[in-house]
PDB file of N, CA and C in Angstrom:
ATOM      1  N   MET A   1       0.844  -1.176   0.000  1.00  0.00           N
ATOM      2  CA  MET A   1       0.000   0.000   0.000  1.00  0.00           C
ATOM      3  C   MET A   1       0.889   1.239   0.000  1.00  0.00           C
ATOM      4  N   LEU A   2       0.521   2.186  -0.805  1.00  0.00           N
ATOM      5  CA  LEU A   2       1.280   3.423  -0.887  1.00  0.00           C
ATOM      6  C   LEU A   2       0.982   4.322   0.303  1.00  0.00           C
ATOM      7  N   GLY A   3       2.031   4.936   0.808  1.00  0.00           N
ATOM      8  CA  GLY A   3       1.865   5.901   1.878  1.00  0.00           C
ATOM      9  C   GLY A   3       1.460   7.255   1.316  1.00  0.00           C
ATOM     10  N   ILE A   4       1.166   8.191   2.191  1.00  0.00           N
ATOM     11  CA  ILE A   4       0.723   9.514   1.761  1.00  0.00           C
ATOM     12  C   ILE A   4       1.833  10.248   1.009  1.00  0.00           C
ATOM     13  N   LEU A   5       3.086  10.086   1.451  1.00  0.00           N
ATOM     14  CA  LEU A   5       4.204  10.728   0.762  1.00  0.00           C
ATOM     15  C   LEU A   5       4.375  10.151  -0.648  1.00  0.00           C
ATOM     16  N   ASP A   6       4.208   8.837  -0.786  1.00  0.00           N
ATOM     17  CA  ASP A   6       4.302   8.210  -2.107  1.00  0.00           C
ATOM     18  C   ASP A   6       3.238   8.749  -3.055  1.00  0.00           C
ATOM     19  N   ILE A   7       2.035   8.887  -2.560  1.00  0.00           N
ATOM     20  CA  ILE A   7       0.933   9.388  -3.384  1.00  0.00           C
ATOM     21  C   ILE A   7       1.180  10.842  -3.781  1.00  0.00           C
ATOM     22  N   ILE A   8       1.677  11.641  -2.847  1.00  0.00           N
ATOM     23  CA  ILE A   8       1.967  13.046  -3.150  1.00  0.00           C
ATOM     24  C   ILE A   8       3.056  13.152  -4.213  1.00  0.00           C
ATOM     25  N   LEU A   9       4.126  12.375  -4.070  1.00  0.00           N
ATOM     26  CA  LEU A   9       5.211  12.417  -5.055  1.00  0.00           C
ATOM     27  C   LEU A   9       4.754  11.915  -6.423  1.00  0.00           C
ATOM     28  N   LEU A  10       3.944  10.877  -6.450  1.00  0.00           N
ATOM     29  CA  LEU A  10       3.424  10.365  -7.714  1.00  0.00           C
ATOM     30  C   LEU A  10       2.533  11.405  -8.387  1.00  0.00           C
ATOM     31  N   ALA A  11       1.637  12.009  -7.619  1.00  0.00           N
ATOM     32  CA  ALA A  11       0.749  13.032  -8.178  1.00  0.00           C
ATOM     33  C   ALA A  11       1.543  14.245  -8.654  1.00  0.00           C
ATOM     34  N   ALA A  12       2.557  14.640  -7.894  1.00  0.00           N
ATOM     35  CA  ALA A  12       3.375  15.793  -8.293  1.00  0.00           C
ATOM     36  C   ALA A  12       4.120  15.514  -9.591  1.00  0.00           C
ATOM     37  N   SER A  13       4.676  14.316  -9.731  1.00  0.00           N
ATOM     38  CA  SER A  13       5.403  14.007 -10.970  1.00  0.00           C
ATOM     39  C   SER A  13       4.458  13.951 -12.161  1.00  0.00           C
ATOM     40  N   LEU A  14       3.255  13.439 -11.968  1.00  0.00           N
ATOM     41  CA  LEU A  14       2.280  13.417 -13.055  1.00  0.00           C
ATOM     42  C   LEU A  14       1.821  14.827 -13.423  1.00  0.00           C
ATOM     43  N   LEU A  15       1.636  15.680 -12.428  1.00  0.00           N
ATOM     44  CA  LEU A  15       1.230  17.059 -12.702  1.00  0.00           C
ATOM     45  C   LEU A  15       2.327  17.847 -13.414  1.00  0.00           C
ATOM     46  N   VAL A  16       3.573  17.633 -13.026  1.00  0.00           N
ATOM     47  CA  VAL A  16       4.679  18.314 -13.711  1.00  0.00           C
ATOM     48  C   VAL A  16       4.754  17.857 -15.161  1.00  0.00           C
ATOM     49  N   THR A  17       4.617  16.561 -15.396  1.00  0.00           N
ATOM     50  CA  THR A  17       4.628  16.038 -16.761  1.00  0.00           C
ATOM     51  C   THR A  17       3.481  16.614 -17.572  1.00  0.00           C
ATOM     52  N   LEU A  18       2.298  16.669 -16.986  1.00  0.00           N
ATOM     53  CA  LEU A  18       1.138  17.237 -17.666  1.00  0.00           C
ATOM     54  C   LEU A  18       1.347  18.720 -17.967  1.00  0.00           C
ATOM     55  N   ALA A  19       1.894  19.458 -17.007  1.00  0.00           N
ATOM     56  CA  ALA A  19       2.125  20.893 -17.212  1.00  0.00           C
ATOM     57  C   ALA A  19       3.122  21.140 -18.338  1.00  0.00           C
ATOM     58  N   ILE A  20       4.176  20.345 -18.401  1.00  0.00           N
ATOM     59  CA  ILE A  20       5.154  20.496 -19.486  1.00  0.00           C
ATOM     60  C   ILE A  20       4.500  20.215 -20.829  1.00  0.00           C
ATOM     61  N   GLY A  21       3.706  19.163 -20.908  1.00  0.00           N
ATOM     62  CA  GLY A  21       3.027  18.831 -22.156  1.00  0.00           C
ATOM     63  C   GLY A  21       2.044  19.895 -22.592  1.00  0.00           C
ATOM     64  N   VAL A  22       1.255  20.415 -21.656  1.00  0.00           N
ATOM     65  CA  VAL A  22       0.280  21.457 -21.992  1.00  0.00           C
ATOM     66  C   VAL A  22       1.000  22.735 -22.414  1.00  0.00           C
ATOM     67  N   TYR A  23       2.053  23.101 -21.706  1.00  0.00           N
ATOM     68  CA  TYR A  23       2.804  24.313 -22.053  1.00  0.00           C
ATOM     69  C   TYR A  23       3.356  24.231 -23.474  1.00  0.00           C
ATOM     70  N   HIS A  24       4.018  23.137 -23.780  1.00  0.00           N
ATOM     71  CA  HIS A  24       4.604  23.012 -25.113  1.00  0.00           C
ATOM     72  C   HIS A  24       3.545  22.799 -26.188  1.00  0.00           C
ATOM     73  N   GLY A  25       2.411  22.257 -25.811  1.00  0.00           N
ATOM     74  CA  GLY A  25       1.333  22.106 -26.777  1.00  0.00           C
ATOM     75  C   GLY A  25       0.668  23.422 -27.123  1.00  0.00           C
ATOM     76  N   VAL A  26       0.552  24.316 -26.154  1.00  0.00           N
ATOM     77  CA  VAL A  26      -0.113  25.600 -26.371  1.00  0.00           C
ATOM     78  C   VAL A  26       0.872  26.660 -26.863  1.00  0.00           C
ATOM     79  N   LYS A  27       2.012  26.774 -26.225  1.00  0.00           N
ATOM     80  CA  LYS A  27       2.960  27.843 -26.535  1.00  0.00           C
ATOM     81  C   LYS A  27       3.967  27.465 -27.612  1.00  0.00           C
ATOM     82  N   GLY A  28       4.170  26.187 -27.816  1.00  0.00           N
ATOM     83  CA  GLY A  28       5.189  25.760 -28.769  1.00  0.00           C
ATOM     84  C   GLY A  28       4.795  26.058 -30.202  1.00  0.00           C
ATOM     85  N   ARG A  29       5.807  26.080 -31.065  1.00  0.00           N
ATOM     86  CA  ARG A  29       5.517  26.326 -32.475  1.00  0.00           C
ATOM     87  C   ARG A  29       4.844  25.097 -33.060  1.00  0.00           C
ATOM     88  N   LYS A  30       4.062  25.307 -34.055  1.00  0.00           N
ATOM     89  CA  LYS A  30       3.342  24.215 -34.691  1.00  0.00           C
ATOM     90  C   LYS A  30       4.263  23.532 -35.696  1.00  0.00           C
ATOM     91  N   ALA A  31       4.477  22.267 -35.518  1.00  0.00           N
ATOM     92  CA  ALA A  31       5.372  21.516 -36.394  1.00  0.00           C
ATOM     93  C   ALA A  31       4.555  20.689 -37.378  1.00  0.00           C
ATOM     94  N   THR A  32       5.113  20.508 -38.538  1.00  0.00           N
ATOM     95  CA  THR A  32       4.497  19.612 -39.511  1.00  0.00           C
ATOM     96  C   THR A  32       4.746  18.180 -39.043  1.00  0.00           C
ATOM     97  N   PRO A  33       4.009  17.217 -39.575  1.00  0.00           N
ATOM     98  CA  PRO A  33       4.262  15.822 -39.184  1.00  0.00           C
ATOM     99  C   PRO A  33       5.707  15.383 -39.435  1.00  0.00           C
ATOM    100  N   ALA A  34       6.301  15.853 -40.518  1.00  0.00           N
ATOM    101  CA  ALA A  34       7.688  15.478 -40.802  1.00  0.00           C
ATOM    102  C   ALA A  34       8.637  16.052 -39.750  1.00  0.00           C
ATOM    103  N   GLU A  35       8.423  17.304 -39.337  1.00  0.00           N
ATOM    104  CA  GLU A  35       9.266  17.900 -38.299  1.00  0.00           C
ATOM    105  C   GLU A  35       9.073  17.186 -36.969  1.00  0.00           C
ATOM    106  N   TYR A  36       7.835  16.782 -36.681  1.00  0.00           N
ATOM    107  CA  TYR A  36       7.559  16.089 -35.430  1.00  0.00           C
ATOM    108  C   TYR A  36       8.246  14.729 -35.405  1.00  0.00           C
ATOM    109  N   MET A  37       8.135  13.982 -36.484  1.00  0.00           N
ATOM    110  CA  MET A  37       8.708  12.640 -36.533  1.00  0.00           C
ATOM    111  C   MET A  37      10.232  12.663 -36.557  1.00  0.00           C
ATOM    112  N   LEU A  38      10.820  13.664 -37.163  1.00  0.00           N
ATOM    113  CA  LEU A  38      12.274  13.709 -37.317  1.00  0.00           C
ATOM    114  C   LEU A  38      12.948  14.683 -36.366  1.00  0.00           C
ATOM    115  N   GLY A  39      12.198  15.327 -35.506  1.00  0.00           N
ATOM    116  CA  GLY A  39      12.782  16.265 -34.555  1.00  0.00           C
ATOM    117  C   GLY A  39      13.396  17.474 -35.219  1.00  0.00           C
ATOM    118  N   GLY A  40      12.876  17.850 -36.390  1.00  0.00           N
ATOM    119  CA  GLY A  40      13.435  18.983 -37.112  1.00  0.00           C
ATOM    120  C   GLY A  40      14.827  18.714 -37.665  1.00  0.00           C
ATOM    121  N   ARG A  41      15.248  17.447 -37.626  1.00  0.00           N
ATOM    122  CA  ARG A  41      16.590  17.032 -38.072  1.00  0.00           C
ATOM    123  C   ARG A  41      17.680  17.852 -37.386  1.00  0.00           C
ATOM    124  N   ALA A  42      17.483  18.152 -36.118  1.00  0.00           N
ATOM    125  CA  ALA A  42      18.452  18.978 -35.401  1.00  0.00           C
ATOM    126  C   ALA A  42      18.904  18.350 -34.087  1.00  0.00           C
ATOM    127  N   MET A  43      18.730  17.047 -33.919  1.00  0.00           N
ATOM    128  CA  MET A  43      19.125  16.402 -32.673  1.00  0.00           C
ATOM    129  C   MET A  43      20.613  16.076 -32.694  1.00  0.00           C
ATOM    130  N   SER A  44      21.252  16.228 -31.542  1.00  0.00           N
ATOM    131  CA  SER A  44      22.656  15.841 -31.425  1.00  0.00           C
ATOM    132  C   SER A  44      22.740  14.327 -31.215  1.00  0.00           C
ATOM    133  N   PRO A  45      23.916  13.731 -31.331  1.00  0.00           N
ATOM    134  CA  PRO A  45      24.022  12.271 -31.265  1.00  0.00           C
ATOM    135  C   PRO A  45      23.559  11.649 -29.948  1.00  0.00           C
ATOM    136  N   LEU A  46      23.792  12.290 -28.804  1.00  0.00           N
ATOM    137  CA  LEU A  46      23.412  11.680 -27.532  1.00  0.00           C
ATOM    138  C   LEU A  46      21.901  11.509 -27.393  1.00  0.00           C
ATOM    139  N   PRO A  47      21.063  12.547 -27.608  1.00  0.00           N
ATOM    140  CA  PRO A  47      19.624  12.303 -27.522  1.00  0.00           C
ATOM    141  C   PRO A  47      19.132  11.352 -28.602  1.00  0.00           C
ATOM    142  N   LEU A  48      19.770  11.373 -29.752  1.00  0.00           N
ATOM    143  CA  LEU A  48      19.401  10.442 -30.807  1.00  0.00           C
ATOM    144  C   LEU A  48      19.694   9.013 -30.375  1.00  0.00           C
ATOM    145  N   ALA A  49      20.849   8.786 -29.766  1.00  0.00           N
ATOM    146  CA  ALA A  49      21.195   7.454 -29.281  1.00  0.00           C
ATOM    147  C   ALA A  49      20.248   7.014 -28.171  1.00  0.00           C
ATOM    148  N   MET A  50      19.883   7.938 -27.284  1.00  0.00           N
ATOM    149  CA  MET A  50      18.947   7.593 -26.215  1.00  0.00           C
ATOM    150  C   MET A  50      17.585   7.232 -26.792  1.00  0.00           C
ATOM    151  N   SER A  51      17.143   7.967 -27.791  1.00  0.00           N
ATOM    152  CA  SER A  51      15.871   7.670 -28.439  1.00  0.00           C
ATOM    153  C   SER A  51      15.908   6.315 -29.126  1.00  0.00           C
ATOM    154  N   MET A  52      17.012   6.021 -29.796  1.00  0.00           N
ATOM    155  CA  MET A  52      17.148   4.723 -30.451  1.00  0.00           C
ATOM    156  C   MET A  52      17.152   3.597 -29.422  1.00  0.00           C
ATOM    157  N   MET A  53      17.816   3.813 -28.292  1.00  0.00           N
ATOM    158  CA  MET A  53      17.887   2.785 -27.265  1.00  0.00           C
ATOM    159  C   MET A  53      16.510   2.533 -26.659  1.00  0.00           C
ATOM    160  N   VAL A  54      15.776   3.589 -26.384  1.00  0.00           N
ATOM    161  CA  VAL A  54      14.440   3.433 -25.815  1.00  0.00           C
ATOM    162  C   VAL A  54      13.515   2.737 -26.804  1.00  0.00           C
ATOM    163  N   GLY A  55      13.674   3.036 -28.091  1.00  0.00           N
ATOM    164  CA  GLY A  55      12.867   2.371 -29.105  1.00  0.00           C
ATOM    165  C   GLY A  55      13.236   0.920 -29.305  1.00  0.00           C
ATOM    166  N   THR A  56      14.453   0.546 -28.941  1.00  0.00           N
ATOM    167  CA  THR A  56      14.919  -0.822 -29.119  1.00  0.00           C
ATOM    168  C   THR A  56      14.535  -1.712 -27.947  1.00  0.00           C
ATOM    169  N   ILE A  57      14.599  -1.172 -26.762  1.00  0.00           N
ATOM    170  CA  ILE A  57      14.341  -1.968 -25.566  1.00  0.00           C
ATOM    171  C   ILE A  57      12.864  -1.884 -25.217  1.00  0.00           C
ATOM    172  N   SER A  58      12.246  -3.023 -25.045  1.00  0.00           N
ATOM    173  CA  SER A  58      10.833  -3.029 -24.672  1.00  0.00           C
ATOM    174  C   SER A  58      10.696  -2.886 -23.158  1.00  0.00           C
ATOM    175  N   PRO A  59       9.560  -2.394 -22.706  1.00  0.00           N
ATOM    176  CA  PRO A  59       9.358  -2.275 -21.255  1.00  0.00           C
ATOM    177  C   PRO A  59       9.429  -3.617 -20.536  1.00  0.00           C
ATOM    178  N   ILE A  60       9.010  -4.682 -21.198  1.00  0.00           N
ATOM    179  CA  ILE A  60       9.074  -5.991 -20.547  1.00  0.00           C
ATOM    180  C   ILE A  60      10.519  -6.419 -20.343  1.00  0.00           C
ATOM    181  N   THR A  61      11.408  -6.010 -21.248  1.00  0.00           N
ATOM    182  CA  THR A  61      12.830  -6.310 -21.075  1.00  0.00           C
ATOM    183  C   THR A  61      13.382  -5.571 -19.867  1.00  0.00           C
ATOM    184  N   ILE A  62      13.017  -4.324 -19.723  1.00  0.00           N
ATOM    185  CA  ILE A  62      13.498  -3.545 -18.580  1.00  0.00           C
ATOM    186  C   ILE A  62      12.992  -4.152 -17.276  1.00  0.00           C
ATOM    187  N   MET A  63      11.715  -4.503 -17.235  1.00  0.00           N
ATOM    188  CA  MET A  63      11.166  -5.109 -16.024  1.00  0.00           C
ATOM    189  C   MET A  63      11.789  -6.476 -15.772  1.00  0.00           C
ATOM    190  N   GLY A  64      12.015  -7.239 -16.836  1.00  0.00           N
ATOM    191  CA  GLY A  64      12.641  -8.549 -16.685  1.00  0.00           C
ATOM    192  C   GLY A  64      14.071  -8.447 -16.197  1.00  0.00           C
ATOM    193  N   ASN A  65      14.799  -7.441 -16.686  1.00  0.00           N
ATOM    194  CA  ASN A  65      16.179  -7.255 -16.235  1.00  0.00           C
ATOM    195  C   ASN A  65      16.241  -6.936 -14.751  1.00  0.00           C
ATOM    196  N   ILE A  66      15.300  -6.176 -14.268  1.00  0.00           N
ATOM    197  CA  ILE A  66      15.278  -5.852 -12.839  1.00  0.00           C
ATOM    198  C   ILE A  66      15.091  -7.120 -12.014  1.00  0.00           C
ATOM    199  N   GLY A  67      14.135  -7.949 -12.419  1.00  0.00           N
ATOM    200  CA  GLY A  67      13.922  -9.212 -11.713  1.00  0.00           C
ATOM    201  C   GLY A  67      15.105 -10.153 -11.836  1.00  0.00           C
ATOM    202  N   GLU A  68      15.708 -10.197 -13.009  1.00  0.00           N
ATOM    203  CA  GLU A  68      16.886 -11.040 -13.234  1.00  0.00           C
ATOM    204  C   GLU A  68      18.050 -10.605 -12.352  1.00  0.00           C
ATOM    205  N   MET A  69      18.270  -9.287 -12.257  1.00  0.00           N
ATOM    206  CA  MET A  69      19.353  -8.788 -11.412  1.00  0.00           C
ATOM    207  C   MET A  69      19.067  -9.042  -9.937  1.00  0.00           C
ATOM    208  N   TYR A  70      17.818  -8.941  -9.557  1.00  0.00           N
ATOM    209  CA  TYR A  70      17.469  -9.206  -8.161  1.00  0.00           C
ATOM    210  C   TYR A  70      17.733 -10.668  -7.823  1.00  0.00           C
ATOM    211  N   ALA A  71      17.388 -11.562  -8.748  1.00  0.00           N
ATOM    212  CA  ALA A  71      17.517 -12.990  -8.474  1.00  0.00           C
ATOM    213  C   ALA A  71      18.949 -13.497  -8.613  1.00  0.00           C
ATOM    214  N   TYR A  72      19.695 -13.010  -9.606  1.00  0.00           N
ATOM    215  CA  TYR A  72      20.983 -13.624  -9.926  1.00  0.00           C
ATOM    216  C   TYR A  72      22.184 -12.694  -9.796  1.00  0.00           C
ATOM    217  N   GLY A  73      21.984 -11.454  -9.479  1.00  0.00           N
ATOM    218  CA  GLY A  73      23.112 -10.540  -9.321  1.00  0.00           C
ATOM    219  C   GLY A  73      23.106  -9.437 -10.361  1.00  0.00           C
ATOM    220  N   THR A  74      23.993  -8.499 -10.168  1.00  0.00           N
ATOM    221  CA  THR A  74      23.978  -7.289 -10.982  1.00  0.00           C
ATOM    222  C   THR A  74      24.877  -7.349 -12.210  1.00  0.00           C
ATOM    223  N   GLN A  75      25.398  -8.528 -12.553  1.00  0.00           N
ATOM    224  CA  GLN A  75      26.270  -8.601 -13.724  1.00  0.00           C
ATOM    225  C   GLN A  75      25.528  -8.313 -15.021  1.00  0.00           C
ATOM    226  N   LEU A  76      24.211  -8.346 -15.024  1.00  0.00           N
ATOM    227  CA  LEU A  76      23.427  -8.086 -16.232  1.00  0.00           C
ATOM    228  C   LEU A  76      23.463  -6.612 -16.644  1.00  0.00           C
ATOM    229  N   TRP A  77      23.832  -5.717 -15.743  1.00  0.00           N
ATOM    230  CA  TRP A  77      23.848  -4.287 -16.068  1.00  0.00           C
ATOM    231  C   TRP A  77      24.819  -3.965 -17.189  1.00  0.00           C
ATOM    232  N   ILE A  78      25.842  -4.783 -17.377  1.00  0.00           N
ATOM    233  CA  ILE A  78      26.824  -4.495 -18.420  1.00  0.00           C
ATOM    234  C   ILE A  78      26.181  -4.559 -19.805  1.00  0.00           C
ATOM    235  N   MET A  79      25.119  -5.353 -19.961  1.00  0.00           N
ATOM    236  CA  MET A  79      24.407  -5.406 -21.236  1.00  0.00           C
ATOM    237  C   MET A  79      23.801  -4.035 -21.556  1.00  0.00           C
ATOM    238  N   ASP A  80      23.238  -3.389 -20.569  1.00  0.00           N
ATOM    239  CA  ASP A  80      22.644  -2.067 -20.782  1.00  0.00           C
ATOM    240  C   ASP A  80      23.706  -1.024 -21.113  1.00  0.00           C
ATOM    241  N   VAL A  81      24.858  -1.116 -20.475  1.00  0.00           N
ATOM    242  CA  VAL A  81      25.949  -0.191 -20.780  1.00  0.00           C
ATOM    243  C   VAL A  81      26.429  -0.411 -22.213  1.00  0.00           C
ATOM    244  N   GLY A  82      26.587  -1.672 -22.600  1.00  0.00           N
ATOM    245  CA  GLY A  82      27.005  -1.979 -23.969  1.00  0.00           C
ATOM    246  C   GLY A  82      25.999  -1.509 -24.999  1.00  0.00           C
ATOM    247  N   LEU A  83      24.718  -1.668 -24.693  1.00  0.00           N
ATOM    248  CA  LEU A  83      23.679  -1.202 -25.611  1.00  0.00           C
ATOM    249  C   LEU A  83      23.726   0.314 -25.763  1.00  0.00           C
ATOM    250  N   ALA A  84      23.894   1.022 -24.667  1.00  0.00           N
ATOM    251  CA  ALA A  84      23.965   2.486 -24.735  1.00  0.00           C
ATOM    252  C   ALA A  84      25.187   2.936 -25.535  1.00  0.00           C
ATOM    253  N   LEU A  85      26.326   2.327 -25.286  1.00  0.00           N
ATOM    254  CA  LEU A  85      27.532   2.690 -26.040  1.00  0.00           C
ATOM    255  C   LEU A  85      27.393   2.334 -27.517  1.00  0.00           C
ATOM    256  N   GLY A  86      26.778   1.197 -27.799  1.00  0.00           N
ATOM    257  CA  GLY A  86      26.559   0.811 -29.189  1.00  0.00           C
ATOM    258  C   GLY A  86      25.656   1.787 -29.915  1.00  0.00           C
ATOM    259  N   MET A  87      24.641   2.284 -29.241  1.00  0.00           N
ATOM    260  CA  MET A  87      23.750   3.250 -29.872  1.00  0.00           C
ATOM    261  C   MET A  87      24.468   4.573 -30.146  1.00  0.00           C
ATOM    262  N   VAL A  88      25.363   4.978 -29.255  1.00  0.00           N
ATOM    263  CA  VAL A  88      26.130   6.199 -29.504  1.00  0.00           C
ATOM    264  C   VAL A  88      27.038   6.005 -30.718  1.00  0.00           C
ATOM    265  N   VAL A  89      27.662   4.830 -30.822  1.00  0.00           N
ATOM    266  CA  VAL A  89      28.512   4.544 -31.984  1.00  0.00           C
ATOM    267  C   VAL A  89      27.689   4.562 -33.262  1.00  0.00           C
ATOM    268  N   VAL A  90      26.514   3.941 -33.227  1.00  0.00           N
ATOM    269  CA  VAL A  90      25.645   3.939 -34.407  1.00  0.00           C
ATOM    270  C   VAL A  90      25.242   5.363 -34.769  1.00  0.00           C
ATOM    271  N   ALA A  91      24.894   6.151 -33.763  1.00  0.00           N
ATOM    272  CA  ALA A  91      24.483   7.532 -34.032  1.00  0.00           C
ATOM    273  C   ALA A  91      25.630   8.348 -34.610  1.00  0.00           C
ATOM    274  N   GLU A  92      26.849   8.089 -34.163  1.00  0.00           N
ATOM    275  CA  GLU A  92      28.003   8.843 -34.660  1.00  0.00           C
ATOM    276  C   GLU A  92      28.458   8.376 -36.042  1.00  0.00           C
ATOM    277  N   MET A  93      28.323   7.070 -36.334  1.00  0.00           N
ATOM    278  CA  MET A  93      28.860   6.539 -37.588  1.00  0.00           C
ATOM    279  C   MET A  93      27.841   6.489 -38.718  1.00  0.00           C
ATOM    280  N   PHE A  94      26.628   6.027 -38.428  1.00  0.00           N
ATOM    281  CA  PHE A  94      25.670   5.772 -39.491  1.00  0.00           C
ATOM    282  C   PHE A  94      24.738   6.942 -39.776  1.00  0.00           C
ATOM    283  N   ILE A  95      24.401   7.706 -38.763  1.00  0.00           N
ATOM    284  CA  ILE A  95      23.504   8.836 -38.983  1.00  0.00           C
ATOM    285  C   ILE A  95      24.108   9.844 -39.964  1.00  0.00           C
ATOM    286  N   PRO A  96      25.409  10.169 -39.872  1.00  0.00           N
ATOM    287  CA  PRO A  96      25.965  11.083 -40.886  1.00  0.00           C
ATOM    288  C   PRO A  96      25.897  10.528 -42.314  1.00  0.00           C
ATOM    289  N   ILE A  97      25.854   9.219 -42.466  1.00  0.00           N
ATOM    290  CA  ILE A  97      25.735   8.624 -43.797  1.00  0.00           C
ATOM    291  C   ILE A  97      24.305   8.735 -44.304  1.00  0.00           C
ATOM    292  N   PHE A  98      23.341   8.419 -43.445  1.00  0.00           N
ATOM    293  CA  PHE A  98      21.947   8.392 -43.870  1.00  0.00           C
ATOM    294  C   PHE A  98      21.285   9.768 -43.851  1.00  0.00           C
ATOM    295  N   TYR A  99      21.836  10.713 -43.101  1.00  0.00           N
ATOM    296  CA  TYR A  99      21.227  12.044 -43.018  1.00  0.00           C
ATOM    297  C   TYR A  99      21.112  12.728 -44.377  1.00  0.00           C
ATOM    298  N   PRO A 100      22.165  12.767 -45.200  1.00  0.00           N
ATOM    299  CA  PRO A 100      22.020  13.428 -46.507  1.00  0.00           C
ATOM    300  C   PRO A 100      21.047  12.719 -47.444  1.00  0.00           C
ATOM    301  N   MET A 101      20.775  11.449 -47.180  1.00  0.00           N
ATOM    302  CA  MET A 101      19.839  10.697 -48.019  1.00  0.00           C
ATOM    303  C   MET A 101      18.389  10.969 -47.645  1.00  0.00           C
ATOM    304  N   HIS A 102      18.172  11.721 -46.570  1.00  0.00           N
ATOM    305  CA  HIS A 102      16.832  12.023 -46.057  1.00  0.00           C
ATOM    306  C   HIS A 102      16.074  10.749 -45.722  1.00  0.00           C
ATOM    307  N   MET A 103      16.765   9.788 -45.139  1.00  0.00           N
ATOM    308  CA  MET A 103      16.157   8.529 -44.730  1.00  0.00           C
ATOM    309  C   MET A 103      15.541   8.693 -43.345  1.00  0.00           C
ATOM    310  N   VAL A 104      14.417   8.029 -43.142  1.00  0.00           N
ATOM    311  CA  VAL A 104      13.779   8.023 -41.834  1.00  0.00           C
ATOM    312  C   VAL A 104      14.143   6.746 -41.093  1.00  0.00           C
ATOM    313  N   SER A 105      14.225   5.626 -41.808  1.00  0.00           N
ATOM    314  CA  SER A 105      14.594   4.357 -41.198  1.00  0.00           C
ATOM    315  C   SER A 105      15.458   3.561 -42.165  1.00  0.00           C
ATOM    316  N   LEU A 106      16.099   2.547 -41.640  1.00  0.00           N
ATOM    317  CA  LEU A 106      16.946   1.701 -42.479  1.00  0.00           C
ATOM    318  C   LEU A 106      16.137   0.896 -43.486  1.00  0.00           C
ATOM    319  N   TYR A 107      14.861   0.714 -43.249  1.00  0.00           N
ATOM    320  CA  TYR A 107      14.029  -0.041 -44.176  1.00  0.00           C
ATOM    321  C   TYR A 107      13.882   0.678 -45.513  1.00  0.00           C
ATOM    322  N   GLN A 108      14.160   1.960 -45.539  1.00  0.00           N
ATOM    323  CA  GLN A 108      14.036   2.733 -46.769  1.00  0.00           C
ATOM    324  C   GLN A 108      15.278   2.662 -47.646  1.00  0.00           C
ATOM    325  N   VAL A 109      16.353   2.085 -47.160  1.00  0.00           N
ATOM    326  CA  VAL A 109      17.595   2.062 -47.927  1.00  0.00           C
ATOM    327  C   VAL A 109      17.397   1.338 -49.246  1.00  0.00           C
ATOM    328  N   GLY A 110      16.754   0.190 -49.230  1.00  0.00           N
ATOM    329  CA  GLY A 110      16.543  -0.577 -50.456  1.00  0.00           C
ATOM    330  C   GLY A 110      15.517   0.045 -51.379  1.00  0.00           C
ATOM    331  N   ARG A 111      14.574   0.766 -50.825  1.00  0.00           N
ATOM    332  CA  ARG A 111      13.490   1.328 -51.637  1.00  0.00           C
ATOM    333  C   ARG A 111      13.749   2.749 -52.092  1.00  0.00           C
ATOM    334  N   ARG A 112      14.724   3.427 -51.484  1.00  0.00           N
ATOM    335  CA  ARG A 112      15.050   4.820 -51.819  1.00  0.00           C
ATOM    336  C   ARG A 112      13.845   5.744 -51.698  1.00  0.00           C
ATOM    337  N   GLU A 113      13.071   5.556 -50.652  1.00  0.00           N
ATOM    338  CA  GLU A 113      11.909   6.423 -50.434  1.00  0.00           C
ATOM    339  C   GLU A 113      12.358   7.749 -49.852  1.00  0.00           C
ATOM    340  N   ARG A 114      11.535   8.732 -50.000  1.00  0.00           N
ATOM    341  CA  ARG A 114      11.758  10.043 -49.383  1.00  0.00           C
ATOM    342  C   ARG A 114      10.646  10.282 -48.372  1.00  0.00           C
ATOM    343  N   TRP A 115      10.981  10.992 -47.321  1.00  0.00           N
ATOM    344  CA  TRP A 115       9.955  11.302 -46.309  1.00  0.00           C
ATOM    345  C   TRP A 115       9.057  12.381 -46.820  1.00  0.00           C
TER     346      TRP A 115
END
């Protein structure tokens, strides 16, 4: 059962998240779907790598890793470090190649589609 402090902190974090979303939804500039999907093509490699990592790892994997580490030890954390470093390498090496091609995903390489 959650205590009163837990409920207050949970509600506060949800309200802050909601306030940020409403602020940027009302005051932010209106982006086209292409700008929204591609981030205006202005992201640096670190947020791009973080976005790629979050898109690669499913929530069930994250929850499973927590249980696995609890049961068998913390040696599994090195997989997450390797994944994060690999995504930074991919963002640094491959994104500069695909950026001039105006590719959205690797699936478009064979088809030469444009966004």
